[in-house]
C-alpha atoms as a PDB file:
ATOM      1  CA  MET A   1     -32.489  22.633  48.422  1.00  0.00           C
ATOM      2  CA  ASN A   2     -33.821  25.476  46.324  1.00  0.00           C
ATOM      3  CA  HIS A   3     -35.333  25.067  42.890  1.00  0.00           C
ATOM      4  CA  LYS A   4     -32.390  26.612  41.011  1.00  0.00           C
ATOM      5  CA  LEU A   5     -29.950  24.085  42.458  1.00  0.00           C
ATOM      6  CA  SER A   6     -32.488  21.341  41.773  1.00  0.00           C
ATOM      7  CA  ARG A   7     -32.748  22.398  38.141  1.00  0.00           C
ATOM      8  CA  ARG A   8     -28.948  22.465  37.749  1.00  0.00           C
ATOM      9  CA  ILE A   9     -28.681  18.972  39.250  1.00  0.00           C
ATOM     10  CA  PHE A  10     -31.445  17.823  36.876  1.00  0.00           C
ATOM     11  CA  ASN A  11     -29.583  19.174  33.838  1.00  0.00           C
ATOM     12  CA  ILE A  12     -26.297  17.568  34.913  1.00  0.00           C
ATOM     13  CA  GLY A  13     -28.075  14.262  35.603  1.00  0.00           C
ATOM     14  CA  LEU A  14     -29.749  14.385  32.210  1.00  0.00           C
ATOM     15  CA  LEU A  15     -26.419  14.930  30.463  1.00  0.00           C
ATOM     16  CA  ALA A  16     -24.874  12.080  32.479  1.00  0.00           C
ATOM     17  CA  ALA A  17     -27.729   9.741  31.508  1.00  0.00           C
ATOM     18  CA  VAL A  18     -27.310  10.596  27.827  1.00  0.00           C
ATOM     19  CA  ALA A  19     -23.546  10.018  28.063  1.00  0.00           C
ATOM     20  CA  VAL A  20     -24.056   6.639  29.756  1.00  0.00           C
ATOM     21  CA  ALA A  21     -26.641   5.682  27.111  1.00  0.00           C
ATOM     22  CA  LEU A  22     -24.222   6.577  24.325  1.00  0.00           C
ATOM     23  CA  LEU A  23     -21.438   4.558  25.954  1.00  0.00           C
ATOM     24  CA  GLY A  24     -23.827   1.635  26.370  1.00  0.00           C
ATOM     25  CA  GLY A  25     -24.748   1.823  22.704  1.00  0.00           C
ATOM     26  CA  ILE A  26     -21.162   2.143  21.512  1.00  0.00           C
ATOM     27  CA  PHE A  27     -19.782  -0.706  23.629  1.00  0.00           C
ATOM     28  CA  MET A  28     -22.968  -2.822  23.381  1.00  0.00           C
ATOM     29  CA  LYS A  29     -23.236  -3.220  27.152  1.00  0.00           C
ATOM     30  CA  VAL A  30     -26.775  -3.761  28.380  1.00  0.00           C
ATOM     31  CA  TRP A  31     -25.859  -2.980  31.990  1.00  0.00           C
ATOM     32  CA  LEU A  32     -24.833   0.554  30.943  1.00  0.00           C
ATOM     33  CA  LEU A  33     -28.249   1.057  29.378  1.00  0.00           C
ATOM     34  CA  TRP A  34     -29.889  -0.084  32.627  1.00  0.00           C
ATOM     35  CA  CYS A  35     -27.663   2.380  34.507  1.00  0.00           C
ATOM     36  CA  CYS A  36     -28.998   5.084  32.187  1.00  0.00           C
ATOM     37  CA  VAL A  37     -32.581   4.130  33.045  1.00  0.00           C
ATOM     38  CA  GLY A  38     -31.715   4.211  36.752  1.00  0.00           C
ATOM     39  CA  LEU A  39     -30.113   7.637  36.402  1.00  0.00           C
ATOM     40  CA  LEU A  40     -33.189   8.973  34.627  1.00  0.00           C
ATOM     41  CA  ILE A  41     -35.517   7.624  37.323  1.00  0.00           C
ATOM     42  CA  LEU A  42     -33.406   9.105  40.134  1.00  0.00           C
ATOM     43  CA  ASN A  43     -33.182  12.384  38.244  1.00  0.00           C
ATOM     44  CA  LEU A  44     -36.951  12.635  37.804  1.00  0.00           C
ATOM     45  CA  MET A  45     -37.550  11.756  41.470  1.00  0.00           C
ATOM     46  CA  GLN A  46     -35.150  14.513  42.536  1.00  0.00           C
ATOM     47  CA  GLN A  47     -36.834  17.053  40.291  1.00  0.00           C
ATOM     48  CA  ASN A  48     -40.283  16.002  41.462  1.00  0.00           C
ATOM     49  CA  ALA A  49     -39.259  16.456  45.098  1.00  0.00           C
ATOM     50  CA  PHE A  50     -37.460  19.806  44.880  1.00  0.00           C
ATOM     51  CA  ASP A  51     -38.607  21.796  41.825  1.00  0.00           C
ATOM     52  CA  ARG A  52     -41.589  23.338  43.607  1.00  0.00           C
ATOM     53  CA  CYS A  53     -42.670  26.580  45.215  1.00  0.00           C
ATOM     54  CA  PRO A  54     -41.592  26.560  48.870  1.00  0.00           C
ATOM     55  CA  HIS A  55     -44.780  28.411  49.861  1.00  0.00           C
ATOM     56  CA  CYS A  56     -47.671  26.690  48.089  1.00  0.00           C
ATOM     57  CA  GLY A  57     -46.039  23.521  46.683  1.00  0.00           C
ATOM     58  CA  GLU A  58     -46.893  24.282  43.042  1.00  0.00           C
ATOM     59  CA  TRP A  59     -44.645  22.486  40.549  1.00  0.00           C
ATOM     60  CA  PHE A  60     -42.703  24.683  38.165  1.00  0.00           C
ATOM     61  CA  ASN A  61     -42.767  24.033  34.439  1.00  0.00           C
ATOM     62  CA  PRO A  62     -39.484  22.226  33.661  1.00  0.00           C
ATOM     63  CA  ARG A  63     -39.462  23.574  30.099  1.00  0.00           C
ATOM     64  CA  ALA A  64     -39.801  27.208  31.178  1.00  0.00           C
ATOM     65  CA  ALA A  65     -37.087  29.515  32.483  1.00  0.00           C
ATOM     66  CA  GLU A  66     -36.338  29.493  36.205  1.00  0.00           C
ATOM     67  CA  PRO A  67     -39.056  31.633  37.797  1.00  0.00           C
ATOM     68  CA  ASP A  68     -38.354  34.373  40.320  1.00  0.00           C
ATOM     69  CA  PHE A  69     -41.982  34.359  41.470  1.00  0.00           C
ATOM     70  CA  CYS A  70     -44.424  31.475  41.832  1.00  0.00           C
ATOM     71  CA  PRO A  71     -46.966  31.381  38.986  1.00  0.00           C
ATOM     72  CA  LYS A  72     -49.720  30.287  41.400  1.00  0.00           C
ATOM     73  CA  CYS A  73     -49.271  32.257  44.632  1.00  0.00           C
ATOM     74  CA  GLY A  74     -47.090  35.115  43.308  1.00  0.00           C
ATOM     75  CA  LYS A  75     -44.603  34.995  46.194  1.00  0.00           C
ATOM     76  CA  LYS A  76     -40.866  35.348  45.649  1.00  0.00           C
ATOM     77  CA  VAL A  77     -39.377  31.869  45.268  1.00  0.00           C
ATOM     78  CA  ASP A  78     -35.879  32.470  46.707  1.00  0.00           C
ATOM     79  CA  GLU A  79     -36.096  34.318  49.988  1.00  0.00           C
END
């Protein structure tokens, strides 16, 4: 999986976790809030595994725009 797909999956997972948290708060269901925590943990594990440079393994800044080149080694990320 490339880093752009990983970042899109992260954003979708984050929106899903927020939606589940809101539903849990509205309906006062604790199990929905625990599902939200589980979604966040899975989402962070996915990002940690795949949002890296394929050449040197450097993690990309999740708050920055999707890079075309690695900030550490300078190689093109998507080849």
